[in-house]
Amino acid sequence: MKKFPVMRWIYVILFSLIFIRLALLPKTGGAMEEGIAERIAIEAHIPNSVSGILLRNRLYDTVFEVFVFTLAVLGVQYAFSLHRTEKHVQYMRDETMVILARIAAMVSGLVFLELAVRGHLAPGGGFAAGVAGGSAIGLVALTMNIHELYDVYQRKHIASVEKTIVLLIVCAAVAFMLFPGSSLAGQPTSSFAIPLLNVLIAAKVAIGSWTIVLLFIRHRGLL
């Protein structure tokens, strides 16, 4: 019988706690509470209640983004584990195309950094940052030997970094949900929690995109 890794047990327990907490949330009445817009604006420390509502739901948005994207990466990994890798993968060698691709990768990388730092000011900022980072990695993968890029992936233990980021996000979600009023966890709408969650989801999506791009190119080539 195949052993179930310890990290997967940790993920199962933490995600179970999150879903149990969500199931136990009190049901709100049909009528909208008076003054709720003003209260949310005060809690979020921002000048408008619309952004406050978006930021108030950032924790749940982040948790389910991580959950869905992690399932996608695991699905791709499992699908390609059944196929052999390509021994000779062609990549772009034309100097002009390589320069243009590297410049586009640099621009995408800068967009990744910008959205990772400031993306929490708009909905979906962390995920958009991760997509920009994944696009930068994909453009680099088109211009170099994919086996060399995969060696870097393994040598830097990128897969372990991704698992650590997922664990941090889930632990933060559990702390915010189970202890919303504690000084240790703070509030999900605090000035510390929201940028932190945004950076973590950006890193998670970028690394997950890196994993997917590597698997597709190593097993299917560029065409």
Protein backbone atom coordinates (compact mmCIF):
# COMPACT_ATOMS: atom_id res chain seq x y z
CA MET A 1 0.00 0.00 0.00
CA LYS A 2 1.35 3.39 -0.99
CA LYS A 3 2.09 5.71 1.92
CA PHE A 4 0.28 9.02 2.13
CA PRO A 5 2.86 11.85 2.52
CA VAL A 6 2.83 13.79 5.77
CA MET A 7 2.47 17.15 3.97
CA ARG A 8 -0.70 15.94 2.28
CA TRP A 9 -2.16 14.99 5.66
CA ILE A 10 -1.37 18.51 6.88
CA TYR A 11 -3.10 20.02 3.83
CA VAL A 12 -6.14 17.79 4.35
CA ILE A 13 -6.44 18.76 8.03
CA LEU A 14 -6.01 22.49 7.43
CA PHE A 15 -8.44 22.63 4.49
CA SER A 16 -10.93 20.60 6.55
CA LEU A 17 -10.71 23.16 9.36
CA ILE A 18 -11.35 25.97 6.85
CA PHE A 19 -14.42 24.29 5.35
CA ILE A 20 -15.78 23.44 8.82
CA ARG A 21 -15.34 27.07 9.87
CA LEU A 22 -17.11 28.28 6.73
CA ALA A 23 -19.96 25.85 7.37
CA LEU A 24 -20.34 27.20 10.91
CA LEU A 25 -20.47 30.87 9.93
CA PRO A 26 -23.69 32.49 11.18
CA LYS A 27 -26.41 33.08 8.62
CA THR A 28 -27.24 36.73 8.00
CA GLY A 29 -30.76 38.00 7.77
CA GLY A 30 -32.47 39.10 4.59
CA ALA A 31 -32.34 42.82 5.37
CA MET A 32 -29.12 44.75 4.93
CA GLU A 33 -27.73 46.07 8.17
CA GLU A 34 -27.90 49.84 8.39
CA GLY A 35 -24.57 51.62 8.29
CA ILE A 36 -22.67 48.52 7.15
CA ALA A 37 -20.89 50.44 4.36
CA GLU A 38 -19.56 53.02 6.82
CA ARG A 39 -18.52 50.30 9.26
CA ILE A 40 -16.60 48.37 6.59
CA ALA A 41 -14.82 51.55 5.47
CA ILE A 42 -13.75 52.19 9.07
CA GLU A 43 -12.58 48.60 9.61
CA ALA A 44 -10.54 48.51 6.40
CA HIS A 45 -8.95 51.95 7.00
CA ILE A 46 -9.66 53.07 3.43
CA PRO A 47 -11.76 55.98 2.10
CA ASN A 48 -14.44 53.98 0.25
CA SER A 49 -16.61 51.06 1.28
CA VAL A 50 -16.50 49.30 -2.13
CA SER A 51 -12.79 48.56 -1.81
CA GLY A 52 -13.40 47.68 1.83
CA ILE A 53 -15.88 44.98 0.84
CA LEU A 54 -13.40 43.59 -1.69
CA LEU A 55 -10.61 43.59 0.87
CA ARG A 56 -12.88 42.06 3.50
CA ASN A 57 -13.44 39.07 1.23
CA ARG A 58 -9.78 38.81 0.20
CA LEU A 59 -9.10 35.98 2.65
CA TYR A 60 -11.80 33.73 1.19
CA ASP A 61 -10.82 34.74 -2.34
CA THR A 62 -7.19 33.85 -1.65
CA VAL A 63 -7.96 30.51 -0.02
CA PHE A 64 -10.10 29.28 -2.89
CA GLU A 65 -7.66 30.61 -5.51
CA VAL A 66 -4.93 28.54 -3.88
CA PHE A 67 -7.22 25.53 -3.60
CA VAL A 68 -8.26 25.59 -7.27
CA PHE A 69 -4.81 26.35 -8.66
CA THR A 70 -3.16 23.67 -6.50
CA LEU A 71 -5.63 21.12 -7.85
CA ALA A 72 -4.80 22.27 -11.40
CA VAL A 73 -1.04 21.84 -10.85
CA LEU A 74 -1.53 18.41 -9.25
CA GLY A 75 -3.74 17.37 -12.15
CA VAL A 76 -1.11 18.38 -14.72
CA GLN A 77 1.62 16.62 -12.75
CA TYR A 78 -0.40 13.42 -12.56
CA ALA A 79 -1.37 13.52 -16.26
CA PHE A 80 2.20 13.94 -17.47
CA SER A 81 3.60 11.39 -15.01
CA LEU A 82 2.07 8.78 -17.33
CA HIS A 83 4.00 10.05 -20.38
CA ARG A 84 7.68 10.00 -21.28
CA THR A 85 9.74 13.17 -21.65
CA GLU A 86 11.01 14.43 -24.99
CA LYS A 87 14.77 13.96 -25.36
CA HIS A 88 15.27 16.75 -27.91
CA VAL A 89 13.12 19.86 -27.47
CA GLN A 90 13.60 22.68 -29.96
CA TYR A 91 13.69 26.27 -28.72
CA MET A 92 14.05 29.68 -30.33
CA ARG A 93 17.60 30.37 -31.53
CA ASP A 94 17.09 33.44 -33.72
CA GLU A 95 18.87 36.31 -31.98
CA THR A 96 16.16 38.86 -32.76
CA MET A 97 13.39 36.65 -31.41
CA VAL A 98 15.44 35.78 -28.35
CA ILE A 99 16.06 39.46 -27.56
CA LEU A 100 12.39 40.36 -28.04
CA ALA A 101 11.26 37.43 -25.87
CA ARG A 102 13.71 38.33 -23.11
CA ILE A 103 12.58 41.98 -23.17
CA ALA A 104 8.94 40.87 -22.95
CA ALA A 105 9.90 38.57 -20.07
CA MET A 106 11.55 41.49 -18.28
CA VAL A 107 8.41 43.62 -18.72
CA SER A 108 6.23 40.78 -17.45
CA GLY A 109 8.56 40.38 -14.48
CA LEU A 110 8.24 44.07 -13.64
CA VAL A 111 4.45 43.81 -13.89
CA PHE A 112 4.64 40.81 -11.56
CA LEU A 113 6.56 42.81 -8.95
CA GLU A 114 4.21 45.80 -9.26
CA LEU A 115 1.04 43.73 -8.88
CA ALA A 116 2.54 41.62 -6.09
CA VAL A 117 3.21 44.76 -4.05
CA ARG A 118 0.19 46.89 -5.01
CA GLY A 119 -2.26 44.41 -6.48
CA HIS A 120 -4.25 44.13 -3.26
CA LEU A 121 -5.72 47.55 -4.04
CA ALA A 122 -7.87 45.94 -6.75
CA PRO A 123 -9.67 42.59 -6.94
CA GLY A 124 -7.63 39.65 -8.21
CA GLY A 125 -4.31 41.48 -7.93
CA GLY A 126 -2.34 38.56 -6.52
CA PHE A 127 -3.58 36.13 -9.14
CA ALA A 128 -2.90 38.63 -11.93
CA ALA A 129 0.61 39.12 -10.58
CA GLY A 130 1.18 35.37 -10.62
CA VAL A 131 -0.02 35.15 -14.22
CA ALA A 132 2.43 37.90 -15.20
CA GLY A 133 5.25 36.06 -13.42
CA GLY A 134 4.29 32.79 -15.11
CA SER A 135 4.24 34.56 -18.49
CA ALA A 136 7.79 35.84 -17.86
CA ILE A 137 8.97 32.32 -17.05
CA GLY A 138 7.20 30.94 -20.12
CA LEU A 139 8.92 33.47 -22.39
CA VAL A 140 12.30 32.57 -20.91
CA ALA A 141 11.52 28.87 -21.43
CA LEU A 142 10.99 29.54 -25.15
CA THR A 143 14.51 30.89 -25.52
CA MET A 144 16.66 28.35 -23.63
CA ASN A 145 17.19 24.63 -23.24
CA ILE A 146 14.24 23.31 -21.26
CA HIS A 147 16.37 20.65 -19.58
CA GLU A 148 18.70 23.34 -18.22
CA LEU A 149 15.70 25.28 -16.91
CA TYR A 150 14.38 22.09 -15.30
CA ASP A 151 17.77 21.56 -13.63
CA VAL A 152 17.48 25.05 -12.14
CA TYR A 153 13.96 24.17 -10.98
CA GLN A 154 15.25 21.10 -9.16
CA ARG A 155 18.48 22.63 -7.86
CA LYS A 156 16.65 25.58 -6.26
CA HIS A 157 14.00 23.25 -4.76
CA ILE A 158 11.20 25.29 -6.33
CA ALA A 159 8.64 22.54 -5.68
CA SER A 160 9.41 22.68 -1.94
CA VAL A 161 9.10 26.48 -2.00
CA GLU A 162 5.66 26.16 -3.60
CA LYS A 163 4.51 23.69 -0.93
CA THR A 164 5.79 26.01 1.80
CA ILE A 165 3.87 28.96 0.33
CA VAL A 166 0.67 26.91 0.20
CA LEU A 167 1.20 25.87 3.81
CA LEU A 168 1.73 29.50 4.88
CA ILE A 169 -1.45 30.65 3.12
CA VAL A 170 -3.55 27.88 4.61
CA CYS A 171 -2.10 28.41 8.10
CA ALA A 172 -2.82 32.14 7.84
CA ALA A 173 -6.38 31.41 6.73
CA VAL A 174 -6.94 29.03 9.63
CA ALA A 175 -5.51 31.58 12.09
CA PHE A 176 -7.71 34.41 10.76
CA MET A 177 -10.84 32.24 10.76
CA LEU A 178 -10.41 30.55 14.13
CA PHE A 179 -8.96 33.53 16.01
CA PRO A 180 -10.32 36.64 14.26
CA GLY A 181 -9.92 38.90 17.28
CA SER A 182 -6.52 37.84 18.56
CA SER A 183 -3.56 40.20 18.51
CA LEU A 184 -1.42 37.46 16.95
CA ALA A 185 -3.59 36.74 13.92
CA GLY A 186 -5.20 40.16 13.53
CA GLN A 187 -8.07 40.88 11.20
CA PRO A 188 -8.26 39.69 7.57
CA THR A 189 -8.81 43.33 6.59
CA SER A 190 -5.75 44.61 8.43
CA SER A 191 -2.99 46.54 6.69
CA PHE A 192 -0.63 43.61 7.35
CA ALA A 193 -2.76 40.64 6.35
CA ILE A 194 -4.01 41.80 2.95
CA PRO A 195 -0.60 42.69 1.37
CA LEU A 196 0.87 39.50 2.83
CA LEU A 197 -1.84 37.33 1.29
CA ASN A 198 -1.45 39.16 -2.02
CA VAL A 199 2.32 38.50 -2.17
CA LEU A 200 1.86 34.84 -1.21
CA ILE A 201 -0.80 34.17 -3.84
CA ALA A 202 1.33 35.95 -6.47
CA ALA A 203 4.33 33.74 -5.65
CA LYS A 204 2.16 30.62 -5.58
CA VAL A 205 0.60 31.24 -9.00
CA ALA A 206 3.95 32.21 -10.57
CA ILE A 207 5.68 29.06 -9.32
CA GLY A 208 2.69 26.90 -10.25
CA SER A 209 2.76 28.38 -13.75
CA TRP A 210 6.47 27.59 -13.92
CA THR A 211 5.72 23.96 -13.02
CA ILE A 212 2.98 23.66 -15.64
CA VAL A 213 5.09 25.28 -18.40
CA LEU A 214 8.04 22.98 -17.65
CA LEU A 215 5.88 19.87 -17.71
CA PHE A 216 4.15 20.77 -20.97
CA ILE A 217 7.39 21.61 -22.78
CA ARG A 218 9.35 18.63 -21.43
CA HIS A 219 6.63 16.15 -22.36
CA ARG A 220 5.09 17.75 -25.48
CA GLY A 221 7.68 20.16 -26.84
CA LEU A 222 6.98 23.68 -28.08
CA LEU A 223 4.70 22.64 -30.95
